């Protein structure tokens, strides 16, 4: 199953509901959240769900607000998550330290 929520003005409070859904849902394999207004808090909520989700394979969080503050939580989740194989995170104006965080995570992620 795929869920496309691109361009829906999703903010952090809606990201909480998405995180809860990811915790419970066992059929979703692709989630597109690009071009919304998810910030660091929303990314942290989604990341928390990714630590337990075992079915999502593709996640698109491109073109969102300043999500940089949520990158460490996302990287921690992806170290634990063994299902996700595609992550689209383009056009988020990530600072150099956030890029380094992602590259360090990729060194230990075994997927």
PDB file of N, CA and C in Angstrom:
ATOM      1  N   UNK A   1       0.837  -1.162   0.000  1.00  0.00           N
ATOM      2  CA  UNK A   1       0.000   0.000   0.000  1.00  0.00           C
ATOM      3  C   UNK A   1       0.897   1.245   0.000  1.00  0.00           C
ATOM      4  N   UNK A   2       0.450   2.262  -0.720  1.00  0.00           N
ATOM      5  CA  UNK A   2       1.164   3.536  -0.778  1.00  0.00           C
ATOM      6  C   UNK A   2       0.227   4.646  -0.320  1.00  0.00           C
ATOM      7  N   UNK A   3       0.794   5.668   0.326  1.00  0.00           N
ATOM      8  CA  UNK A   3       0.020   6.828   0.752  1.00  0.00           C
ATOM      9  C   UNK A   3       0.749   8.076   0.281  1.00  0.00           C
ATOM     10  N   UNK A   4       0.076   8.873  -0.552  1.00  0.00           N
ATOM     11  CA  UNK A   4       0.652  10.089  -1.121  1.00  0.00           C
ATOM     12  C   UNK A   4      -0.030  11.286  -0.469  1.00  0.00           C
ATOM     13  N   UNK A   5       0.720  12.006   0.365  1.00  0.00           N
ATOM     14  CA  UNK A   5       0.214  13.201   1.043  1.00  0.00           C
ATOM     15  C   UNK A   5       1.018  14.441   0.642  1.00  0.00           C
ATOM     16  N   UNK A   6       1.550  14.432  -0.562  1.00  0.00           N
ATOM     17  CA  UNK A   6       2.331  15.557  -1.063  1.00  0.00           C
ATOM     18  C   UNK A   6       1.437  16.795  -1.172  1.00  0.00           C
ATOM     19  N   UNK A   7       1.983  17.955  -0.796  1.00  0.00           N
ATOM     20  CA  UNK A   7       1.306  19.267  -0.934  1.00  0.00           C
ATOM     21  C   UNK A   7      -0.010  19.338  -0.169  1.00  0.00           C
ATOM     22  N   UNK A   8      -0.003  18.948   1.091  1.00  0.00           N
ATOM     23  CA  UNK A   8      -1.224  18.994   1.891  1.00  0.00           C
ATOM     24  C   UNK A   8      -1.102  19.904   3.103  1.00  0.00           C
ATOM     25  N   UNK A   9      -0.100  20.743   3.151  1.00  0.00           N
ATOM     26  CA  UNK A   9       0.109  21.671   4.276  1.00  0.00           C
ATOM     27  C   UNK A   9       0.182  20.947   5.623  1.00  0.00           C
ATOM     28  N   UNK A  10       0.746  19.755   5.615  1.00  0.00           N
ATOM     29  CA  UNK A  10       0.889  18.978   6.857  1.00  0.00           C
ATOM     30  C   UNK A  10       1.918  19.662   7.736  1.00  0.00           C
ATOM     31  N   UNK A  11       1.535  19.879   8.984  1.00  0.00           N
ATOM     32  CA  UNK A  11       2.415  20.513   9.969  1.00  0.00           C
ATOM     33  C   UNK A  11       2.750  19.505  11.058  1.00  0.00           C
ATOM     34  N   UNK A  12       3.473  19.969  12.065  1.00  0.00           N
ATOM     35  CA  UNK A  12       3.925  19.069  13.130  1.00  0.00           C
ATOM     36  C   UNK A  12       2.780  18.366  13.856  1.00  0.00           C
ATOM     37  N   UNK A  13       1.657  19.057  14.088  1.00  0.00           N
ATOM     38  CA  UNK A  13       0.563  18.412  14.812  1.00  0.00           C
ATOM     39  C   UNK A  13      -0.031  17.254  14.012  1.00  0.00           C
ATOM     40  N   UNK A  14      -0.083  17.365  12.687  1.00  0.00           N
ATOM     41  CA  UNK A  14      -0.548  16.252  11.861  1.00  0.00           C
ATOM     42  C   UNK A  14       0.499  15.147  11.776  1.00  0.00           C
ATOM     43  N   UNK A  15       1.750  15.513  11.885  1.00  0.00           N
ATOM     44  CA  UNK A  15       2.820  14.520  11.866  1.00  0.00           C
ATOM     45  C   UNK A  15       2.699  13.572  13.056  1.00  0.00           C
ATOM     46  N   UNK A  16       2.137  14.054  14.154  1.00  0.00           N
ATOM     47  CA  UNK A  16       1.891  13.189  15.311  1.00  0.00           C
ATOM     48  C   UNK A  16       0.931  12.068  14.932  1.00  0.00           C
ATOM     49  N   UNK A  17      -0.149  12.399  14.221  1.00  0.00           N
ATOM     50  CA  UNK A  17      -1.111  11.384  13.774  1.00  0.00           C
ATOM     51  C   UNK A  17      -0.461  10.416  12.789  1.00  0.00           C
ATOM     52  N   UNK A  18       0.399  10.932  11.915  1.00  0.00           N
ATOM     53  CA  UNK A  18       1.108  10.073  10.957  1.00  0.00           C
ATOM     54  C   UNK A  18       2.029   9.117  11.703  1.00  0.00           C
ATOM     55  N   UNK A  19       2.714   9.619  12.715  1.00  0.00           N
ATOM     56  CA  UNK A  19       3.576   8.764  13.522  1.00  0.00           C
ATOM     57  C   UNK A  19       2.800   7.651  14.210  1.00  0.00           C
ATOM     58  N   UNK A  20       1.658   7.979  14.758  1.00  0.00           N
ATOM     59  CA  UNK A  20       0.822   6.958  15.411  1.00  0.00           C
ATOM     60  C   UNK A  20       0.358   5.917  14.400  1.00  0.00           C
ATOM     61  N   UNK A  21      -0.010   6.371  13.203  1.00  0.00           N
ATOM     62  CA  UNK A  21      -0.429   5.446  12.155  1.00  0.00           C
ATOM     63  C   UNK A  21       0.714   4.513  11.781  1.00  0.00           C
ATOM     64  N   UNK A  22       1.931   5.056  11.644  1.00  0.00           N
ATOM     65  CA  UNK A  22       3.082   4.223  11.292  1.00  0.00           C
ATOM     66  C   UNK A  22       3.394   3.189  12.356  1.00  0.00           C
ATOM     67  N   UNK A  23       3.096   3.519  13.596  1.00  0.00           N
ATOM     68  CA  UNK A  23       3.330   2.582  14.690  1.00  0.00           C
ATOM     69  C   UNK A  23       2.405   1.377  14.588  1.00  0.00           C
ATOM     70  N   UNK A  24       1.184   1.601  14.142  1.00  0.00           N
ATOM     71  CA  UNK A  24       0.176   0.543  14.113  1.00  0.00           C
ATOM     72  C   UNK A  24       0.041  -0.150  12.761  1.00  0.00           C
ATOM     73  N   UNK A  25       0.272   0.565  11.668  1.00  0.00           N
ATOM     74  CA  UNK A  25       0.018   0.042  10.331  1.00  0.00           C
ATOM     75  C   UNK A  25       1.082  -0.964   9.922  1.00  0.00           C
ATOM     76  N   UNK A  26       0.634  -2.068   9.351  1.00  0.00           N
ATOM     77  CA  UNK A  26       1.562  -3.111   8.917  1.00  0.00           C
ATOM     78  C   UNK A  26       1.521  -3.340   7.409  1.00  0.00           C
ATOM     79  N   UNK A  27       0.780  -2.496   6.657  1.00  0.00           N
ATOM     80  CA  UNK A  27       0.671  -2.702   5.226  1.00  0.00           C
ATOM     81  C   UNK A  27       1.278  -1.612   4.368  1.00  0.00           C
ATOM     82  N   UNK A  28       1.559  -0.474   4.954  1.00  0.00           N
ATOM     83  CA  UNK A  28       2.077   0.656   4.188  1.00  0.00           C
ATOM     84  C   UNK A  28       3.545   0.429   3.839  1.00  0.00           C
ATOM     85  N   UNK A  29       3.866   0.525   2.549  1.00  0.00           N
ATOM     86  CA  UNK A  29       5.259   0.351   2.124  1.00  0.00           C
ATOM     87  C   UNK A  29       5.870   1.635   1.580  1.00  0.00           C
ATOM     88  N   UNK A  30       5.013   2.609   1.213  1.00  0.00           N
ATOM     89  CA  UNK A  30       5.533   3.878   0.694  1.00  0.00           C
ATOM     90  C   UNK A  30       4.701   5.029   1.246  1.00  0.00           C
ATOM     91  N   UNK A  31       5.403   6.040   1.769  1.00  0.00           N
ATOM     92  CA  UNK A  31       4.754   7.226   2.323  1.00  0.00           C
ATOM     93  C   UNK A  31       5.410   8.460   1.736  1.00  0.00           C
ATOM     94  N   UNK A  32       4.613   9.292   1.076  1.00  0.00           N
ATOM     95  CA  UNK A  32       5.114  10.511   0.461  1.00  0.00           C
ATOM     96  C   UNK A  32       4.592  11.715   1.227  1.00  0.00           C
ATOM     97  N   UNK A  33       5.504  12.410   1.881  1.00  0.00           N
ATOM     98  CA  UNK A  33       5.171  13.583   2.687  1.00  0.00           C
ATOM     99  C   UNK A  33       5.865  14.834   2.160  1.00  0.00           C
ATOM    100  N   UNK A  34       6.303  14.796   0.929  1.00  0.00           N
ATOM    101  CA  UNK A  34       7.014  15.923   0.351  1.00  0.00           C
ATOM    102  C   UNK A  34       6.152  17.165   0.187  1.00  0.00           C
ATOM    103  N   UNK A  35       6.828  18.313   0.170  1.00  0.00           N
ATOM    104  CA  UNK A  35       6.212  19.609  -0.058  1.00  0.00           C
ATOM    105  C   UNK A  35       5.091  19.899   0.941  1.00  0.00           C
ATOM    106  N   UNK A  36       5.407  19.747   2.207  1.00  0.00           N
ATOM    107  CA  UNK A  36       4.497  20.075   3.298  1.00  0.00           C
ATOM    108  C   UNK A  36       5.182  21.078   4.217  1.00  0.00           C
ATOM    109  N   UNK A  37       4.743  21.162   5.441  1.00  0.00           N
ATOM    110  CA  UNK A  37       5.301  22.110   6.399  1.00  0.00           C
ATOM    111  C   UNK A  37       5.750  21.404   7.676  1.00  0.00           C
ATOM    112  N   UNK A  38       6.257  20.198   7.508  1.00  0.00           N
ATOM    113  CA  UNK A  38       6.734  19.426   8.651  1.00  0.00           C
ATOM    114  C   UNK A  38       8.037  20.045   9.139  1.00  0.00           C
ATOM    115  N   UNK A  39       8.117  20.262  10.425  1.00  0.00           N
ATOM    116  CA  UNK A  39       9.305  20.833  11.032  1.00  0.00           C
ATOM    117  C   UNK A  39      10.045  19.793  11.858  1.00  0.00           C
ATOM    118  N   UNK A  40      10.995  20.219  12.683  1.00  0.00           N
ATOM    119  CA  UNK A  40      11.799  19.279  13.464  1.00  0.00           C
ATOM    120  C   UNK A  40      10.968  18.446  14.437  1.00  0.00           C
ATOM    121  N   UNK A  41       9.963  19.056  15.048  1.00  0.00           N
ATOM    122  CA  UNK A  41       9.123  18.307  15.994  1.00  0.00           C
ATOM    123  C   UNK A  41       8.368  17.202  15.276  1.00  0.00           C
ATOM    124  N   UNK A  42       7.804  17.530  14.122  1.00  0.00           N
ATOM    125  CA  UNK A  42       7.084  16.526  13.343  1.00  0.00           C
ATOM    126  C   UNK A  42       7.987  15.402  12.877  1.00  0.00           C
ATOM    127  N   UNK A  43       9.200  15.747  12.447  1.00  0.00           N
ATOM    128  CA  UNK A  43      10.142  14.719  12.007  1.00  0.00           C
ATOM    129  C   UNK A  43      10.535  13.818  13.172  1.00  0.00           C
ATOM    130  N   UNK A  44      10.671  14.375  14.355  1.00  0.00           N
ATOM    131  CA  UNK A  44      10.985  13.561  15.533  1.00  0.00           C
ATOM    132  C   UNK A  44       9.862  12.574  15.828  1.00  0.00           C
ATOM    133  N   UNK A  45       8.605  13.004  15.686  1.00  0.00           N
ATOM    134  CA  UNK A  45       7.458  12.122  15.930  1.00  0.00           C
ATOM    135  C   UNK A  45       7.398  10.992  14.899  1.00  0.00           C
ATOM    136  N   UNK A  46       7.645  11.323  13.663  1.00  0.00           N
ATOM    137  CA  UNK A  46       7.658  10.300  12.616  1.00  0.00           C
ATOM    138  C   UNK A  46       8.834   9.344  12.828  1.00  0.00           C
ATOM    139  N   UNK A  47       9.970   9.896  13.203  1.00  0.00           N
ATOM    140  CA  UNK A  47      11.166   9.072  13.448  1.00  0.00           C
ATOM    141  C   UNK A  47      10.941   8.080  14.576  1.00  0.00           C
ATOM    142  N   UNK A  48      10.270   8.517  15.622  1.00  0.00           N
ATOM    143  CA  UNK A  48       9.976   7.614  16.743  1.00  0.00           C
ATOM    144  C   UNK A  48       9.187   6.403  16.250  1.00  0.00           C
ATOM    145  N   UNK A  49       8.232   6.634  15.356  1.00  0.00           N
ATOM    146  CA  UNK A  49       7.437   5.535  14.811  1.00  0.00           C
ATOM    147  C   UNK A  49       8.283   4.612  13.938  1.00  0.00           C
ATOM    148  N   UNK A  50       9.262   5.169  13.255  1.00  0.00           N
ATOM    149  CA  UNK A  50      10.112   4.350  12.392  1.00  0.00           C
ATOM    150  C   UNK A  50      10.954   3.352  13.181  1.00  0.00           C
ATOM    151  N   UNK A  51      11.158   3.597  14.460  1.00  0.00           N
ATOM    152  CA  UNK A  51      11.936   2.646  15.261  1.00  0.00           C
ATOM    153  C   UNK A  51      11.199   1.325  15.439  1.00  0.00           C
ATOM    154  N   UNK A  52       9.862   1.337  15.311  1.00  0.00           N
ATOM    155  CA  UNK A  52       9.080   0.110  15.490  1.00  0.00           C
ATOM    156  C   UNK A  52       8.418  -0.377  14.209  1.00  0.00           C
ATOM    157  N   UNK A  53       8.310   0.486  13.205  1.00  0.00           N
ATOM    158  CA  UNK A  53       7.668   0.094  11.950  1.00  0.00           C
ATOM    159  C   UNK A  53       8.576  -0.850  11.183  1.00  0.00           C
ATOM    160  N   UNK A  54       8.013  -1.959  10.708  1.00  0.00           N
ATOM    161  CA  UNK A  54       8.816  -2.972  10.029  1.00  0.00           C
ATOM    162  C   UNK A  54       8.432  -3.151   8.561  1.00  0.00           C
ATOM    163  N   UNK A  55       7.511  -2.307   8.049  1.00  0.00           N
ATOM    164  CA  UNK A  55       7.034  -2.519   6.684  1.00  0.00           C
ATOM    165  C   UNK A  55       7.324  -1.378   5.721  1.00  0.00           C
ATOM    166  N   UNK A  56       7.482  -0.167   6.207  1.00  0.00           N
ATOM    167  CA  UNK A  56       7.697   0.975   5.321  1.00  0.00           C
ATOM    168  C   UNK A  56       9.051   0.861   4.635  1.00  0.00           C
ATOM    169  N   UNK A  57       9.043   0.908   3.309  1.00  0.00           N
ATOM    170  CA  UNK A  57      10.281   0.775   2.543  1.00  0.00           C
ATOM    171  C   UNK A  57      10.731   2.095   1.929  1.00  0.00           C
ATOM    172  N   UNK A  58       9.777   2.989   1.618  1.00  0.00           N
ATOM    173  CA  UNK A  58      10.110   4.259   0.969  1.00  0.00           C
ATOM    174  C   UNK A  58       9.458   5.413   1.709  1.00  0.00           C
ATOM    175  N   UNK A  59      10.267   6.432   2.013  1.00  0.00           N
ATOM    176  CA  UNK A  59       9.782   7.628   2.695  1.00  0.00           C
ATOM    177  C   UNK A  59      10.305   8.856   1.967  1.00  0.00           C
ATOM    178  N   UNK A  60       9.380   9.743   1.612  1.00  0.00           N
ATOM    179  CA  UNK A  60       9.733  11.001   0.952  1.00  0.00           C
ATOM    180  C   UNK A  60       9.375  12.142   1.900  1.00  0.00           C
ATOM    181  N   UNK A  61      10.391  12.850   2.392  1.00  0.00           N
ATOM    182  CA  UNK A  61      10.165  14.027   3.236  1.00  0.00           C
ATOM    183  C   UNK A  61      10.831  15.252   2.621  1.00  0.00           C
ATOM    184  N   UNK A  62      10.927  15.252   1.303  1.00  0.00           N
ATOM    185  CA  UNK A  62      11.547  16.375   0.600  1.00  0.00           C
ATOM    186  C   UNK A  62      10.657  17.613   0.642  1.00  0.00           C
ATOM    187  N   UNK A  63      11.274  18.763   0.426  1.00  0.00           N
ATOM    188  CA  UNK A  63      10.563  20.045   0.340  1.00  0.00           C
ATOM    189  C   UNK A  63       9.680  20.315   1.564  1.00  0.00           C
ATOM    190  N   UNK A  64      10.224  20.198   2.736  1.00  0.00           N
ATOM    191  CA  UNK A  64       9.500  20.551   3.946  1.00  0.00           C
ATOM    192  C   UNK A  64      10.147  21.770   4.589  1.00  0.00           C
ATOM    193  N   UNK A  65       9.609  22.187   5.716  1.00  0.00           N
ATOM    194  CA  UNK A  65      10.185  23.329   6.414  1.00  0.00           C
ATOM    195  C   UNK A  65      11.567  22.966   6.924  1.00  0.00           C
ATOM    196  N   UNK A  66      12.065  23.755   7.771  1.00  0.00           N
ATOM    197  CA  UNK A  66      13.374  23.536   8.373  1.00  0.00           C
ATOM    198  C   UNK A  66      13.315  22.314   9.281  1.00  0.00           C
ATOM    199  N   UNK A  67      13.616  21.136   8.728  1.00  0.00           N
ATOM    200  CA  UNK A  67      13.531  19.892   9.495  1.00  0.00           C
ATOM    201  C   UNK A  67      14.854  19.501  10.139  1.00  0.00           C
ATOM    202  N   UNK A  68      15.877  20.317   9.950  1.00  0.00           N
ATOM    203  CA  UNK A  68      17.220  19.971  10.405  1.00  0.00           C
ATOM    204  C   UNK A  68      17.309  19.517  11.845  1.00  0.00           C
ATOM    205  N   UNK A  69      16.534  20.131  12.727  1.00  0.00           N
ATOM    206  CA  UNK A  69      16.568  19.748  14.135  1.00  0.00           C
ATOM    207  C   UNK A  69      16.069  18.344  14.399  1.00  0.00           C
ATOM    208  N   UNK A  70      15.345  17.774  13.444  1.00  0.00           N
ATOM    209  CA  UNK A  70      14.839  16.406  13.600  1.00  0.00           C
ATOM    210  C   UNK A  70      15.735  15.354  12.989  1.00  0.00           C
ATOM    211  N   UNK A  71      16.794  15.773  12.307  1.00  0.00           N
ATOM    212  CA  UNK A  71      17.687  14.819  11.631  1.00  0.00           C
ATOM    213  C   UNK A  71      18.355  13.841  12.597  1.00  0.00           C
ATOM    214  N   UNK A  72      18.850  14.272  13.769  1.00  0.00           N
ATOM    215  CA  UNK A  72      19.441  13.279  14.682  1.00  0.00           C
ATOM    216  C   UNK A  72      18.449  12.184  15.088  1.00  0.00           C
ATOM    217  N   UNK A  73      17.197  12.540  15.337  1.00  0.00           N
ATOM    218  CA  UNK A  73      16.184  11.541  15.697  1.00  0.00           C
ATOM    219  C   UNK A  73      15.921  10.603  14.525  1.00  0.00           C
ATOM    220  N   UNK A  74      15.881  11.159  13.315  1.00  0.00           N
ATOM    221  CA  UNK A  74      15.678  10.326  12.130  1.00  0.00           C
ATOM    222  C   UNK A  74      16.832   9.341  11.964  1.00  0.00           C
ATOM    223  N   UNK A  75      18.040   9.806  12.129  1.00  0.00           N
ATOM    224  CA  UNK A  75      19.207   8.929  11.986  1.00  0.00           C
ATOM    225  C   UNK A  75      19.225   7.842  13.055  1.00  0.00           C
ATOM    226  N   UNK A  76      18.883   8.193  14.282  1.00  0.00           N
ATOM    227  CA  UNK A  76      18.797   7.178  15.344  1.00  0.00           C
ATOM    228  C   UNK A  76      17.767   6.118  14.984  1.00  0.00           C
ATOM    229  N   UNK A  77      16.630   6.556  14.441  1.00  0.00           N
ATOM    230  CA  UNK A  77      15.571   5.615  14.062  1.00  0.00           C
ATOM    231  C   UNK A  77      16.027   4.705  12.928  1.00  0.00           C
ATOM    232  N   UNK A  78      16.744   5.267  11.968  1.00  0.00           N
ATOM    233  CA  UNK A  78      17.155   4.477  10.813  1.00  0.00           C
ATOM    234  C   UNK A  78      18.260   3.481  11.137  1.00  0.00           C
ATOM    235  N   UNK A  79      18.984   3.710  12.201  1.00  0.00           N
ATOM    236  CA  UNK A  79      19.954   2.710  12.656  1.00  0.00           C
ATOM    237  C   UNK A  79      19.206   1.474  13.152  1.00  0.00           C
ATOM    238  N   UNK A  80      18.064   1.679  13.787  1.00  0.00           N
ATOM    239  CA  UNK A  80      17.252   0.576  14.314  1.00  0.00           C
ATOM    240  C   UNK A  80      16.337  -0.033  13.253  1.00  0.00           C
ATOM    241  N   UNK A  81      15.862   0.779  12.325  1.00  0.00           N
ATOM    242  CA  UNK A  81      14.907   0.335  11.316  1.00  0.00           C
ATOM    243  C   UNK A  81      15.640  -0.429  10.220  1.00  0.00           C
ATOM    244  N   UNK A  82      15.197  -1.641   9.955  1.00  0.00           N
ATOM    245  CA  UNK A  82      15.840  -2.477   8.938  1.00  0.00           C
ATOM    246  C   UNK A  82      14.979  -2.623   7.689  1.00  0.00           C
ATOM    247  N   UNK A  83      13.831  -1.961   7.640  1.00  0.00           N
ATOM    248  CA  UNK A  83      12.934  -2.092   6.493  1.00  0.00           C
ATOM    249  C   UNK A  83      13.112  -0.985   5.469  1.00  0.00           C
ATOM    250  N   UNK A  84      13.314   0.245   5.912  1.00  0.00           N
ATOM    251  CA  UNK A  84      13.368   1.391   5.008  1.00  0.00           C
ATOM    252  C   UNK A  84      14.608   1.310   4.120  1.00  0.00           C
ATOM    253  N   UNK A  85      14.386   1.337   2.805  1.00  0.00           N
ATOM    254  CA  UNK A  85      15.504   1.257   1.861  1.00  0.00           C
ATOM    255  C   UNK A  85      15.633   2.500   0.990  1.00  0.00           C
ATOM    256  N   UNK A  86      14.614   3.356   0.959  1.00  0.00           N
ATOM    257  CA  UNK A  86      14.649   4.577   0.158  1.00  0.00           C
ATOM    258  C   UNK A  86      14.209   5.761   1.003  1.00  0.00           C
ATOM    259  N   UNK A  87      15.046   6.768   1.062  1.00  0.00           N
ATOM    260  CA  UNK A  87      14.736   7.993   1.800  1.00  0.00           C
ATOM    261  C   UNK A  87      15.001   9.176   0.889  1.00  0.00           C
ATOM    262  N   UNK A  88      13.946   9.935   0.614  1.00  0.00           N
ATOM    263  CA  UNK A  88      14.103  11.152  -0.193  1.00  0.00           C
ATOM    264  C   UNK A  88      13.996  12.332   0.756  1.00  0.00           C
ATOM    265  N   UNK A  89      15.084  13.092   0.856  1.00  0.00           N
ATOM    266  CA  UNK A  89      15.163  14.177   1.827  1.00  0.00           C
ATOM    267  C   UNK A  89      15.670  15.467   1.162  1.00  0.00           C
ATOM    268  N   UNK A  90      15.500  15.546  -0.150  1.00  0.00           N
ATOM    269  CA  UNK A  90      16.027  16.680  -0.909  1.00  0.00           C
ATOM    270  C   UNK A  90      15.268  17.977  -0.635  1.00  0.00           C
ATOM    271  N   UNK A  91      15.941  19.091  -0.953  1.00  0.00           N
ATOM    272  CA  UNK A  91      15.346  20.435  -0.871  1.00  0.00           C
ATOM    273  C   UNK A  91      14.859  20.803   0.534  1.00  0.00           C
ATOM    274  N   UNK A  92      15.671  20.502   1.535  1.00  0.00           N
ATOM    275  CA  UNK A  92      15.341  20.856   2.914  1.00  0.00           C
ATOM    276  C   UNK A  92      16.358  21.805   3.539  1.00  0.00           C
ATOM    277  N   UNK A  93      17.290  22.301   2.757  1.00  0.00           N
ATOM    278  CA  UNK A  93      18.302  23.259   3.235  1.00  0.00           C
ATOM    279  C   UNK A  93      18.985  22.786   4.517  1.00  0.00           C
ATOM    280  N   UNK A  94      19.510  21.577   4.483  1.00  0.00           N
ATOM    281  CA  UNK A  94      20.164  21.014   5.660  1.00  0.00           C
ATOM    282  C   UNK A  94      21.557  21.613   5.844  1.00  0.00           C
ATOM    283  N   UNK A  95      21.873  21.949   7.068  1.00  0.00           N
ATOM    284  CA  UNK A  95      23.187  22.487   7.410  1.00  0.00           C
ATOM    285  C   UNK A  95      24.236  21.377   7.319  1.00  0.00           C
ATOM    286  N   UNK A  96      25.498  21.782   7.221  1.00  0.00           N
ATOM    287  CA  UNK A  96      26.598  20.831   7.093  1.00  0.00           C
ATOM    288  C   UNK A  96      26.625  19.799   8.218  1.00  0.00           C
ATOM    289  N   UNK A  97      26.349  20.231   9.462  1.00  0.00           N
ATOM    290  CA  UNK A  97      26.395  19.272  10.566  1.00  0.00           C
ATOM    291  C   UNK A  97      25.307  18.216  10.441  1.00  0.00           C
ATOM    292  N   UNK A  98      24.164  18.566   9.848  1.00  0.00           N
ATOM    293  CA  UNK A  98      23.080  17.586   9.638  1.00  0.00           C
ATOM    294  C   UNK A  98      23.450  16.612   8.527  1.00  0.00           C
ATOM    295  N   UNK A  99      24.143  17.096   7.519  1.00  0.00           N
ATOM    296  CA  UNK A  99      24.615  16.207   6.454  1.00  0.00           C
ATOM    297  C   UNK A  99      25.620  15.218   7.028  1.00  0.00           C
ATOM    298  N   UNK A 100      26.513  15.701   7.895  1.00  0.00           N
ATOM    299  CA  UNK A 100      27.483  14.809   8.543  1.00  0.00           C
ATOM    300  C   UNK A 100      26.766  13.764   9.391  1.00  0.00           C
ATOM    301  N   UNK A 101      25.703  14.161  10.081  1.00  0.00           N
ATOM    302  CA  UNK A 101      24.929  13.214  10.896  1.00  0.00           C
ATOM    303  C   UNK A 101      24.366  12.104  10.014  1.00  0.00           C
ATOM    304  N   UNK A 102      23.837  12.481   8.854  1.00  0.00           N
ATOM    305  CA  UNK A 102      23.270  11.492   7.928  1.00  0.00           C
ATOM    306  C   UNK A 102      24.362  10.562   7.401  1.00  0.00           C
ATOM    307  N   UNK A 103      25.505  11.109   7.013  1.00  0.00           N
ATOM    308  CA  UNK A 103      26.565  10.255   6.477  1.00  0.00           C
ATOM    309  C   UNK A 103      27.123   9.314   7.548  1.00  0.00           C
ATOM    310  N   UNK A 104      27.191   9.760   8.789  1.00  0.00           N
ATOM    311  CA  UNK A 104      27.636   8.874   9.884  1.00  0.00           C
ATOM    312  C   UNK A 104      26.647   7.745  10.105  1.00  0.00           C
ATOM    313  N   UNK A 105      25.343   8.048  10.017  1.00  0.00           N
ATOM    314  CA  UNK A 105      24.318   7.022  10.174  1.00  0.00           C
ATOM    315  C   UNK A 105      24.456   5.981   9.064  1.00  0.00           C
ATOM    316  N   UNK A 106      24.711   6.425   7.857  1.00  0.00           N
ATOM    317  CA  UNK A 106      24.816   5.500   6.739  1.00  0.00           C
ATOM    318  C   UNK A 106      25.995   4.548   6.863  1.00  0.00           C
ATOM    319  N   UNK A 107      26.996   4.931   7.639  1.00  0.00           N
ATOM    320  CA  UNK A 107      28.130   4.043   7.867  1.00  0.00           C
ATOM    321  C   UNK A 107      27.756   2.835   8.715  1.00  0.00           C
ATOM    322  N   UNK A 108      26.748   2.991   9.589  1.00  0.00           N
ATOM    323  CA  UNK A 108      26.372   1.890  10.480  1.00  0.00           C
ATOM    324  C   UNK A 108      25.048   1.242  10.107  1.00  0.00           C
ATOM    325  N   UNK A 109      24.244   1.879   9.261  1.00  0.00           N
ATOM    326  CA  UNK A 109      22.974   1.299   8.827  1.00  0.00           C
ATOM    327  C   UNK A 109      23.284   0.129   7.910  1.00  0.00           C
ATOM    328  N   UNK A 110      22.722  -1.030   8.209  1.00  0.00           N
ATOM    329  CA  UNK A 110      23.052  -2.251   7.485  1.00  0.00           C
ATOM    330  C   UNK A 110      22.017  -2.640   6.431  1.00  0.00           C
ATOM    331  N   UNK A 111      21.075  -1.781   6.130  1.00  0.00           N
ATOM    332  CA  UNK A 111      20.059  -2.131   5.131  1.00  0.00           C
ATOM    333  C   UNK A 111      20.619  -1.943   3.748  1.00  0.00           C
TER     334      UNK A 111
END
